[in-house]
Amino acid sequence: FFFISLLMSQTNSDLYKNKKLIRLHSSDEFLLDSLLRFNINSISCRGSILQSELIVDDEIIAWLNNQGISFSVLSDDMEKMILSEMNRIERRKQHRSSNFFSTYRDLTEIESKIELLVEDSDIVFREIIGQSYEGRNISVIKISVENDVANKPAIMINSCQHAREWISPMATIYLIESLSQNFDNDINMMLGEVDIYIVPVVNPDGYAYTWEKDRWWRKNRQPNNNNDCFGTDLNRNWNFDWNGNESTSEDPCSQIYVGLTPFSAP
């Protein structure tokens, strides 16, 4: 069973055969347009890609060398790097002393954990607030000592808008568990004043895809009209400052594609 599950999990590395992880040693802004035409995979989404770690292939490496652009190779085998990560995850899952937060968890495991937290607590409630493009449920977890009180002030937290950011749902589920299981006077006093709403996985389609097909996939899995490129960056698809000047793109193939219109992604 362990061997079969390991083989299944390793398919998310296939796309990274012969790919490298590099960092540029240049601050020359003229590089940006050229690099963007390659649709490179930038690990960071904030600031200039010139300061980010970049996943590149041999074509980009050759272009950088021909242009005389200096760079460092951080990993010369991205496929091996991903396989190593998945192997560590599987080993930790099989370890007898392993708890839920000892490693990253896939979507099925996250859903099961949420069900347990709801069942085991009188202050944790779950509501389905919609479906993703591929029809997966999107859940909000409400933490409240007075679940039937209307118009109560609330704190809203979401995570995993970007599919590849695996630590974010682990952090929000840890928060749910901590608030529900370490229920003391301070938490009781806080929840007497506000409710807390947490959406652990905003992007379930993309998250599942990172485990099954592409470890570094970032967007959702929504098709783009008249284009072979999939996905919208859900954190660029809000109506506030939609398609602003910082870290956005109108190119459907870009990792930071803003979508056709605000809220065009479910």
C-alpha atoms as a PDB file:
ATOM      1  CA  PHE A   1       0.000   0.000   0.000  1.00  0.00           C
ATOM      2  CA  PHE A   2       2.821   2.364   0.877  1.00  0.00           C
ATOM      3  CA  PHE A   3       4.596   1.651  -2.425  1.00  0.00           C
ATOM      4  CA  ILE A   4       1.415   2.221  -4.478  1.00  0.00           C
ATOM      5  CA  SER A   5       0.571   5.473  -2.663  1.00  0.00           C
ATOM      6  CA  LEU A   6       4.138   6.669  -3.191  1.00  0.00           C
ATOM      7  CA  LEU A   7       3.945   6.017  -6.932  1.00  0.00           C
ATOM      8  CA  MET A   8       0.633   7.894  -7.158  1.00  0.00           C
ATOM      9  CA  SER A   9       1.993  10.893  -5.274  1.00  0.00           C
ATOM     10  CA  GLN A  10       5.079  11.100  -7.490  1.00  0.00           C
ATOM     11  CA  THR A  11       3.108  12.061 -10.593  1.00  0.00           C
ATOM     12  CA  ASN A  12       3.142  15.698  -9.436  1.00  0.00           C
ATOM     13  CA  SER A  13       6.847  15.812 -10.316  1.00  0.00           C
ATOM     14  CA  ASP A  14       6.590  14.620 -13.928  1.00  0.00           C
ATOM     15  CA  LEU A  15       6.320  18.118 -15.407  1.00  0.00           C
ATOM     16  CA  TYR A  16       9.611  19.124 -13.803  1.00  0.00           C
ATOM     17  CA  LYS A  17      11.889  16.689 -15.551  1.00  0.00           C
ATOM     18  CA  ASN A  18      14.956  18.589 -16.796  1.00  0.00           C
ATOM     19  CA  LYS A  19      13.882  21.743 -14.930  1.00  0.00           C
ATOM     20  CA  LYS A  20      16.152  23.775 -12.656  1.00  0.00           C
ATOM     21  CA  LEU A  21      15.657  26.277  -9.859  1.00  0.00           C
ATOM     22  CA  ILE A  22      17.723  29.438 -10.298  1.00  0.00           C
ATOM     23  CA  ARG A  23      18.150  32.965  -8.956  1.00  0.00           C
ATOM     24  CA  LEU A  24      19.189  35.831 -11.211  1.00  0.00           C
ATOM     25  CA  HIS A  25      22.014  38.230 -10.317  1.00  0.00           C
ATOM     26  CA  SER A  26      20.599  41.207 -12.150  1.00  0.00           C
ATOM     27  CA  SER A  27      18.353  44.151 -11.340  1.00  0.00           C
ATOM     28  CA  ASP A  28      18.043  45.288 -14.953  1.00  0.00           C
ATOM     29  CA  GLU A  29      14.341  45.864 -15.584  1.00  0.00           C
ATOM     30  CA  PHE A  30      14.736  45.294 -19.349  1.00  0.00           C
ATOM     31  CA  LEU A  31      14.900  41.574 -18.574  1.00  0.00           C
ATOM     32  CA  LEU A  32      11.313  41.438 -17.338  1.00  0.00           C
ATOM     33  CA  ASP A  33       9.509  41.541 -20.689  1.00  0.00           C
ATOM     34  CA  SER A  34      11.807  38.906 -22.150  1.00  0.00           C
ATOM     35  CA  LEU A  35      11.414  36.605 -19.156  1.00  0.00           C
ATOM     36  CA  LEU A  36       7.637  37.008 -19.099  1.00  0.00           C
ATOM     37  CA  ARG A  37       7.467  35.886 -22.733  1.00  0.00           C
ATOM     38  CA  PHE A  38       8.901  32.552 -21.592  1.00  0.00           C
ATOM     39  CA  ASN A  39       6.050  32.228 -19.027  1.00  0.00           C
ATOM     40  CA  ILE A  40       8.556  31.191 -16.430  1.00  0.00           C
ATOM     41  CA  ASN A  41       7.374  29.835 -13.106  1.00  0.00           C
ATOM     42  CA  SER A  42       8.277  32.348 -10.416  1.00  0.00           C
ATOM     43  CA  ILE A  43       8.244  30.981  -6.861  1.00  0.00           C
ATOM     44  CA  SER A  44       7.544  34.388  -5.339  1.00  0.00           C
ATOM     45  CA  CYS A  45       4.481  36.386  -6.359  1.00  0.00           C
ATOM     46  CA  ARG A  46       5.422  39.698  -4.755  1.00  0.00           C
ATOM     47  CA  GLY A  47       7.794  42.252  -6.156  1.00  0.00           C
ATOM     48  CA  SER A  48       9.961  41.728  -9.187  1.00  0.00           C
ATOM     49  CA  ILE A  49      10.664  38.288 -10.586  1.00  0.00           C
ATOM     50  CA  LEU A  50      14.263  39.478 -10.721  1.00  0.00           C
ATOM     51  CA  GLN A  51      14.381  38.889  -6.966  1.00  0.00           C
ATOM     52  CA  SER A  52      12.502  35.579  -7.066  1.00  0.00           C
ATOM     53  CA  GLU A  53      13.615  31.997  -7.397  1.00  0.00           C
ATOM     54  CA  LEU A  54      12.656  30.811 -10.899  1.00  0.00           C
ATOM     55  CA  ILE A  55      11.842  27.368 -12.278  1.00  0.00           C
ATOM     56  CA  VAL A  56      13.383  27.233 -15.746  1.00  0.00           C
ATOM     57  CA  ASP A  57      14.187  24.798 -18.540  1.00  0.00           C
ATOM     58  CA  ASP A  58      17.235  24.423 -20.765  1.00  0.00           C
ATOM     59  CA  GLU A  59      15.874  26.921 -23.307  1.00  0.00           C
ATOM     60  CA  ILE A  60      15.815  29.693 -20.720  1.00  0.00           C
ATOM     61  CA  ILE A  61      19.219  28.658 -19.371  1.00  0.00           C
ATOM     62  CA  ALA A  62      20.649  28.900 -22.894  1.00  0.00           C
ATOM     63  CA  TRP A  63      19.018  32.312 -23.433  1.00  0.00           C
ATOM     64  CA  LEU A  64      20.427  33.657 -20.164  1.00  0.00           C
ATOM     65  CA  ASN A  65      23.891  32.403 -21.070  1.00  0.00           C
ATOM     66  CA  ASN A  66      23.685  33.921 -24.560  1.00  0.00           C
ATOM     67  CA  GLN A  67      22.650  37.253 -23.054  1.00  0.00           C
ATOM     68  CA  GLY A  68      25.491  37.127 -20.553  1.00  0.00           C
ATOM     69  CA  ILE A  69      23.092  37.284 -17.607  1.00  0.00           C
ATOM     70  CA  SER A  70      24.523  35.960 -14.373  1.00  0.00           C
ATOM     71  CA  PHE A  71      22.521  33.501 -12.261  1.00  0.00           C
ATOM     72  CA  SER A  72      22.938  30.849  -9.588  1.00  0.00           C
ATOM     73  CA  VAL A  73      21.568  27.322  -9.838  1.00  0.00           C
ATOM     74  CA  LEU A  74      19.849  26.472  -6.540  1.00  0.00           C
ATOM     75  CA  SER A  75      18.690  23.044  -7.696  1.00  0.00           C
ATOM     76  CA  ASP A  76      19.731  21.383 -10.940  1.00  0.00           C
ATOM     77  CA  ASP A  77      16.953  18.761 -10.740  1.00  0.00           C
ATOM     78  CA  MET A  78      13.479  20.000  -9.769  1.00  0.00           C
ATOM     79  CA  GLU A  79      11.950  16.589 -10.402  1.00  0.00           C
ATOM     80  CA  LYS A  80      14.306  15.007  -7.873  1.00  0.00           C
ATOM     81  CA  MET A  81      13.650  17.847  -5.421  1.00  0.00           C
ATOM     82  CA  ILE A  82       9.883  17.248  -5.562  1.00  0.00           C
ATOM     83  CA  LEU A  83      10.257  13.474  -5.317  1.00  0.00           C
ATOM     84  CA  SER A  84      12.393  13.930  -2.226  1.00  0.00           C
ATOM     85  CA  GLU A  85       9.704  16.104  -0.651  1.00  0.00           C
ATOM     86  CA  MET A  86       6.950  13.588  -1.441  1.00  0.00           C
ATOM     87  CA  ASN A  87       9.055  10.735  -0.054  1.00  0.00           C
ATOM     88  CA  ARG A  88       9.513  12.607   3.228  1.00  0.00           C
ATOM     89  CA  ILE A  89       5.770  13.262   3.423  1.00  0.00           C
ATOM     90  CA  GLU A  90       4.894   9.612   2.852  1.00  0.00           C
ATOM     91  CA  ARG A  91       7.427   8.408   5.411  1.00  0.00           C
ATOM     92  CA  ARG A  92       6.057  10.757   8.047  1.00  0.00           C
ATOM     93  CA  LYS A  93       2.494   9.680   7.345  1.00  0.00           C
ATOM     94  CA  GLN A  94       3.475   6.060   7.905  1.00  0.00           C
ATOM     95  CA  HIS A  95       5.323   6.755  11.155  1.00  0.00           C
ATOM     96  CA  ARG A  96       3.411   5.534  14.212  1.00  0.00           C
ATOM     97  CA  SER A  97       4.087   8.658  16.260  1.00  0.00           C
ATOM     98  CA  SER A  98       3.020  10.966  13.438  1.00  0.00           C
ATOM     99  CA  ASN A  99       0.265  13.468  14.221  1.00  0.00           C
ATOM    100  CA  PHE A 100      -1.799  15.449  11.744  1.00  0.00           C
ATOM    101  CA  PHE A 101       0.519  18.449  11.798  1.00  0.00           C
ATOM    102  CA  SER A 102       3.755  16.498  11.402  1.00  0.00           C
ATOM    103  CA  THR A 103       3.623  16.844   7.625  1.00  0.00           C
ATOM    104  CA  TYR A 104       1.541  18.248   4.760  1.00  0.00           C
ATOM    105  CA  ARG A 105      -1.866  16.686   4.120  1.00  0.00           C
ATOM    106  CA  ASP A 106      -3.837  16.202   0.904  1.00  0.00           C
ATOM    107  CA  LEU A 107      -7.390  17.427   0.371  1.00  0.00           C
ATOM    108  CA  THR A 108      -9.071  14.194   1.526  1.00  0.00           C
ATOM    109  CA  GLU A 109      -7.098  14.218   4.767  1.00  0.00           C
ATOM    110  CA  ILE A 110      -7.924  17.878   5.351  1.00  0.00           C
ATOM    111  CA  GLU A 111     -11.639  17.254   4.837  1.00  0.00           C
ATOM    112  CA  SER A 112     -11.551  14.324   7.284  1.00  0.00           C
ATOM    113  CA  LYS A 113      -9.731  16.412   9.879  1.00  0.00           C
ATOM    114  CA  ILE A 114     -12.298  19.194   9.596  1.00  0.00           C
ATOM    115  CA  GLU A 115     -15.129  16.691  10.123  1.00  0.00           C
ATOM    116  CA  LEU A 116     -13.449  15.442  13.306  1.00  0.00           C
ATOM    117  CA  LEU A 117     -12.961  18.959  14.644  1.00  0.00           C
ATOM    118  CA  VAL A 118     -16.634  19.770  14.063  1.00  0.00           C
ATOM    119  CA  GLU A 119     -17.782  16.532  15.685  1.00  0.00           C
ATOM    120  CA  ASP A 120     -15.556  16.950  18.739  1.00  0.00           C
ATOM    121  CA  SER A 121     -16.413  20.560  19.575  1.00  0.00           C
ATOM    122  CA  ASP A 122     -19.474  22.526  20.652  1.00  0.00           C
ATOM    123  CA  ILE A 123     -18.116  25.781  19.274  1.00  0.00           C
ATOM    124  CA  VAL A 124     -17.007  24.674  15.783  1.00  0.00           C
ATOM    125  CA  PHE A 125     -19.571  24.681  12.967  1.00  0.00           C
ATOM    126  CA  ARG A 126     -19.192  23.917   9.275  1.00  0.00           C
ATOM    127  CA  GLU A 127     -21.151  25.371   6.362  1.00  0.00           C
ATOM    128  CA  ILE A 128     -20.791  24.747   2.619  1.00  0.00           C
ATOM    129  CA  ILE A 129     -20.660  28.200   1.037  1.00  0.00           C
ATOM    130  CA  GLY A 130     -20.240  27.196  -2.608  1.00  0.00           C
ATOM    131  CA  GLN A 131     -18.550  24.953  -5.120  1.00  0.00           C
ATOM    132  CA  SER A 132     -15.323  25.302  -7.028  1.00  0.00           C
ATOM    133  CA  TYR A 133     -15.192  25.238 -10.820  1.00  0.00           C
ATOM    134  CA  GLU A 134     -14.772  21.437 -10.767  1.00  0.00           C
ATOM    135  CA  GLY A 135     -17.630  21.043  -8.292  1.00  0.00           C
ATOM    136  CA  ARG A 136     -15.743  20.523  -5.043  1.00  0.00           C
ATOM    137  CA  ASN A 137     -17.334  21.919  -1.893  1.00  0.00           C
ATOM    138  CA  ILE A 138     -15.844  25.044  -0.339  1.00  0.00           C
ATOM    139  CA  SER A 139     -16.381  25.086   3.416  1.00  0.00           C
ATOM    140  CA  VAL A 140     -16.321  27.856   5.963  1.00  0.00           C
ATOM    141  CA  ILE A 141     -15.666  26.937   9.588  1.00  0.00           C
ATOM    142  CA  LYS A 142     -17.425  29.128  12.130  1.00  0.00           C
ATOM    143  CA  ILE A 143     -16.045  29.286  15.667  1.00  0.00           C
ATOM    144  CA  SER A 144     -18.624  30.769  18.004  1.00  0.00           C
ATOM    145  CA  VAL A 145     -19.982  30.372  21.519  1.00  0.00           C
ATOM    146  CA  GLU A 146     -23.332  31.774  20.421  1.00  0.00           C
ATOM    147  CA  ASN A 147     -24.021  30.311  17.007  1.00  0.00           C
ATOM    148  CA  ASP A 148     -27.516  31.761  16.672  1.00  0.00           C
ATOM    149  CA  VAL A 149     -26.654  35.408  17.412  1.00  0.00           C
ATOM    150  CA  ALA A 150     -27.239  37.614  14.373  1.00  0.00           C
ATOM    151  CA  ASN A 151     -25.153  40.630  13.333  1.00  0.00           C
ATOM    152  CA  LYS A 152     -22.271  39.767  15.628  1.00  0.00           C
ATOM    153  CA  PRO A 153     -18.889  41.273  14.675  1.00  0.00           C
ATOM    154  CA  ALA A 154     -16.650  38.727  12.977  1.00  0.00           C
ATOM    155  CA  ILE A 155     -13.081  37.951  11.982  1.00  0.00           C
ATOM    156  CA  MET A 156     -12.626  36.379   8.541  1.00  0.00           C
ATOM    157  CA  ILE A 157      -9.567  34.291   7.653  1.00  0.00           C
ATOM    158  CA  ASN A 158      -8.951  32.370   4.435  1.00  0.00           C
ATOM    159  CA  SER A 159      -6.076  30.277   3.146  1.00  0.00           C
ATOM    160  CA  CYS A 160      -4.901  28.279   0.145  1.00  0.00           C
ATOM    161  CA  GLN A 161      -6.002  30.699  -2.539  1.00  0.00           C
ATOM    162  CA  HIS A 162      -2.733  29.703  -4.189  1.00  0.00           C
ATOM    163  CA  ALA A 163      -2.760  25.947  -4.636  1.00  0.00           C
ATOM    164  CA  ARG A 164       0.939  25.306  -4.125  1.00  0.00           C
ATOM    165  CA  GLU A 165       1.130  27.059  -0.731  1.00  0.00           C
ATOM    166  CA  TRP A 166       0.627  23.871   1.247  1.00  0.00           C
ATOM    167  CA  ILE A 167       1.473  25.346   4.623  1.00  0.00           C
ATOM    168  CA  SER A 168      -1.524  27.707   4.618  1.00  0.00           C
ATOM    169  CA  PRO A 169      -4.342  25.151   5.188  1.00  0.00           C
ATOM    170  CA  MET A 170      -2.177  23.435   7.796  1.00  0.00           C
ATOM    171  CA  ALA A 171      -1.901  26.753   9.657  1.00  0.00           C
ATOM    172  CA  THR A 172      -5.615  27.563   9.564  1.00  0.00           C
ATOM    173  CA  ILE A 173      -6.649  24.048  10.613  1.00  0.00           C
ATOM    174  CA  TYR A 174      -4.150  24.294  13.478  1.00  0.00           C
ATOM    175  CA  LEU A 175      -5.854  27.544  14.495  1.00  0.00           C
ATOM    176  CA  ILE A 176      -9.285  25.879  14.445  1.00  0.00           C
ATOM    177  CA  GLU A 177      -8.025  23.002  16.567  1.00  0.00           C
ATOM    178  CA  SER A 178      -6.204  25.288  19.014  1.00  0.00           C
ATOM    179  CA  LEU A 179      -9.236  27.520  19.575  1.00  0.00           C
ATOM    180  CA  SER A 180     -11.595  24.582  20.030  1.00  0.00           C
ATOM    181  CA  GLN A 181      -9.406  22.349  22.203  1.00  0.00           C
ATOM    182  CA  ASN A 182      -7.712  24.993  24.359  1.00  0.00           C
ATOM    183  CA  PHE A 183     -10.968  26.623  25.320  1.00  0.00           C
ATOM    184  CA  ASP A 184     -10.302  28.817  28.372  1.00  0.00           C
ATOM    185  CA  ASN A 185     -11.610  32.034  29.880  1.00  0.00           C
ATOM    186  CA  ASP A 186      -9.606  34.250  27.509  1.00  0.00           C
ATOM    187  CA  ILE A 187     -10.871  32.493  24.397  1.00  0.00           C
ATOM    188  CA  ASN A 188     -14.398  32.374  25.850  1.00  0.00           C
ATOM    189  CA  MET A 189     -14.246  36.135  26.466  1.00  0.00           C
ATOM    190  CA  MET A 190     -12.992  36.776  22.920  1.00  0.00           C
ATOM    191  CA  LEU A 191     -15.673  34.595  21.333  1.00  0.00           C
ATOM    192  CA  GLY A 192     -18.267  36.372  23.442  1.00  0.00           C
ATOM    193  CA  GLU A 193     -17.413  39.509  21.478  1.00  0.00           C
ATOM    194  CA  VAL A 194     -16.700  38.171  17.957  1.00  0.00           C
ATOM    195  CA  ASP A 195     -17.247  35.124  15.784  1.00  0.00           C
ATOM    196  CA  ILE A 196     -14.402  33.690  13.728  1.00  0.00           C
ATOM    197  CA  TYR A 197     -14.902  32.409  10.175  1.00  0.00           C
ATOM    198  CA  ILE A 198     -12.135  30.364   8.538  1.00  0.00           C
ATOM    199  CA  VAL A 199     -12.028  29.024   4.979  1.00  0.00           C
ATOM    200  CA  PRO A 200      -9.107  26.533   5.067  1.00  0.00           C
ATOM    201  CA  VAL A 201      -9.040  25.766   1.324  1.00  0.00           C
ATOM    202  CA  VAL A 202     -10.327  28.494  -0.994  1.00  0.00           C
ATOM    203  CA  ASN A 203      -8.878  26.696  -4.025  1.00  0.00           C
ATOM    204  CA  PRO A 204      -9.664  22.959  -3.657  1.00  0.00           C
ATOM    205  CA  ASP A 205      -9.303  22.205  -7.383  1.00  0.00           C
ATOM    206  CA  GLY A 206      -5.843  23.711  -7.569  1.00  0.00           C
ATOM    207  CA  TYR A 207      -4.789  22.138  -4.276  1.00  0.00           C
ATOM    208  CA  ALA A 208      -5.814  18.661  -5.432  1.00  0.00           C
ATOM    209  CA  TYR A 209      -3.984  19.299  -8.712  1.00  0.00           C
ATOM    210  CA  THR A 210      -0.731  20.088  -6.887  1.00  0.00           C
ATOM    211  CA  TRP A 211      -0.839  16.635  -5.279  1.00  0.00           C
ATOM    212  CA  GLU A 212      -1.940  14.745  -8.387  1.00  0.00           C
ATOM    213  CA  LYS A 213      -0.315  16.477 -11.376  1.00  0.00           C
ATOM    214  CA  ASP A 214       1.773  19.602 -10.770  1.00  0.00           C
ATOM    215  CA  ARG A 215       3.428  20.354  -7.423  1.00  0.00           C
ATOM    216  CA  TRP A 216       4.011  24.022  -8.279  1.00  0.00           C
ATOM    217  CA  TRP A 217       0.600  24.810  -9.800  1.00  0.00           C
ATOM    218  CA  ARG A 218      -0.666  28.116  -8.391  1.00  0.00           C
ATOM    219  CA  LYS A 219      -4.033  29.098  -9.923  1.00  0.00           C
ATOM    220  CA  ASN A 220      -7.436  27.425  -9.948  1.00  0.00           C
ATOM    221  CA  ARG A 221      -8.327  24.956 -12.717  1.00  0.00           C
ATOM    222  CA  GLN A 222     -10.854  27.017 -14.644  1.00  0.00           C
ATOM    223  CA  PRO A 223     -10.461  26.994 -18.458  1.00  0.00           C
ATOM    224  CA  ASN A 224      -9.819  30.300 -20.208  1.00  0.00           C
ATOM    225  CA  ASN A 225     -11.855  31.039 -23.327  1.00  0.00           C
ATOM    226  CA  ASN A 226     -10.048  30.673 -26.659  1.00  0.00           C
ATOM    227  CA  ASN A 227      -6.842  29.681 -24.896  1.00  0.00           C
ATOM    228  CA  ASP A 228      -5.107  26.435 -24.003  1.00  0.00           C
ATOM    229  CA  CYS A 229      -3.914  27.846 -20.677  1.00  0.00           C
ATOM    230  CA  PHE A 230      -5.901  27.041 -17.548  1.00  0.00           C
ATOM    231  CA  GLY A 231      -6.530  28.898 -14.359  1.00  0.00           C
ATOM    232  CA  THR A 232      -7.085  32.248 -12.689  1.00  0.00           C
ATOM    233  CA  ASP A 233      -5.062  33.562  -9.773  1.00  0.00           C
ATOM    234  CA  LEU A 234      -7.812  33.730  -7.149  1.00  0.00           C
ATOM    235  CA  ASN A 235      -5.947  36.329  -5.108  1.00  0.00           C
ATOM    236  CA  ARG A 236      -5.912  38.616  -8.161  1.00  0.00           C
ATOM    237  CA  ASN A 237      -9.605  38.097  -8.958  1.00  0.00           C
ATOM    238  CA  TRP A 238     -11.165  40.222  -6.210  1.00  0.00           C
ATOM    239  CA  ASN A 239     -12.974  43.382  -7.299  1.00  0.00           C
ATOM    240  CA  PHE A 240     -10.834  45.628  -5.082  1.00  0.00           C
ATOM    241  CA  ASP A 241      -7.966  47.024  -7.170  1.00  0.00           C
ATOM    242  CA  TRP A 242      -8.661  44.407  -9.837  1.00  0.00           C
ATOM    243  CA  ASN A 243      -5.935  44.400 -12.487  1.00  0.00           C
ATOM    244  CA  GLY A 244      -3.908  46.938 -10.553  1.00  0.00           C
ATOM    245  CA  ASN A 245      -0.320  47.724 -11.408  1.00  0.00           C
ATOM    246  CA  GLU A 246       1.424  45.447  -8.920  1.00  0.00           C
ATOM    247  CA  SER A 247       2.036  41.765  -9.590  1.00  0.00           C
ATOM    248  CA  THR A 248      -0.820  41.160 -12.041  1.00  0.00           C
ATOM    249  CA  SER A 249      -1.154  39.992 -15.630  1.00  0.00           C
ATOM    250  CA  GLU A 250      -3.811  39.867 -18.355  1.00  0.00           C
ATOM    251  CA  ASP A 251      -2.087  36.873 -19.949  1.00  0.00           C
ATOM    252  CA  PRO A 252      -4.143  33.693 -19.271  1.00  0.00           C
ATOM    253  CA  CYS A 253      -0.912  31.672 -19.308  1.00  0.00           C
ATOM    254  CA  SER A 254       0.599  33.737 -16.509  1.00  0.00           C
ATOM    255  CA  GLN A 255       0.733  32.467 -12.928  1.00  0.00           C
ATOM    256  CA  ILE A 256      -0.716  35.836 -11.840  1.00  0.00           C
ATOM    257  CA  TYR A 257      -3.569  36.021 -14.372  1.00  0.00           C
ATOM    258  CA  VAL A 258      -6.282  38.337 -13.007  1.00  0.00           C
ATOM    259  CA  GLY A 259      -9.187  36.645 -14.811  1.00  0.00           C
ATOM    260  CA  LEU A 260     -11.581  37.987 -17.421  1.00  0.00           C
ATOM    261  CA  THR A 261     -13.400  40.229 -14.932  1.00  0.00           C
ATOM    262  CA  PRO A 262     -13.517  40.681 -11.140  1.00  0.00           C
ATOM    263  CA  PHE A 263     -15.036  37.573  -9.511  1.00  0.00           C
ATOM    264  CA  SER A 264     -14.937  35.650 -12.793  1.00  0.00           C
ATOM    265  CA  ALA A 265     -13.722  32.627 -10.815  1.00  0.00           C
ATOM    266  CA  PRO A 266     -16.150  30.810  -8.480  1.00  0.00           C
END
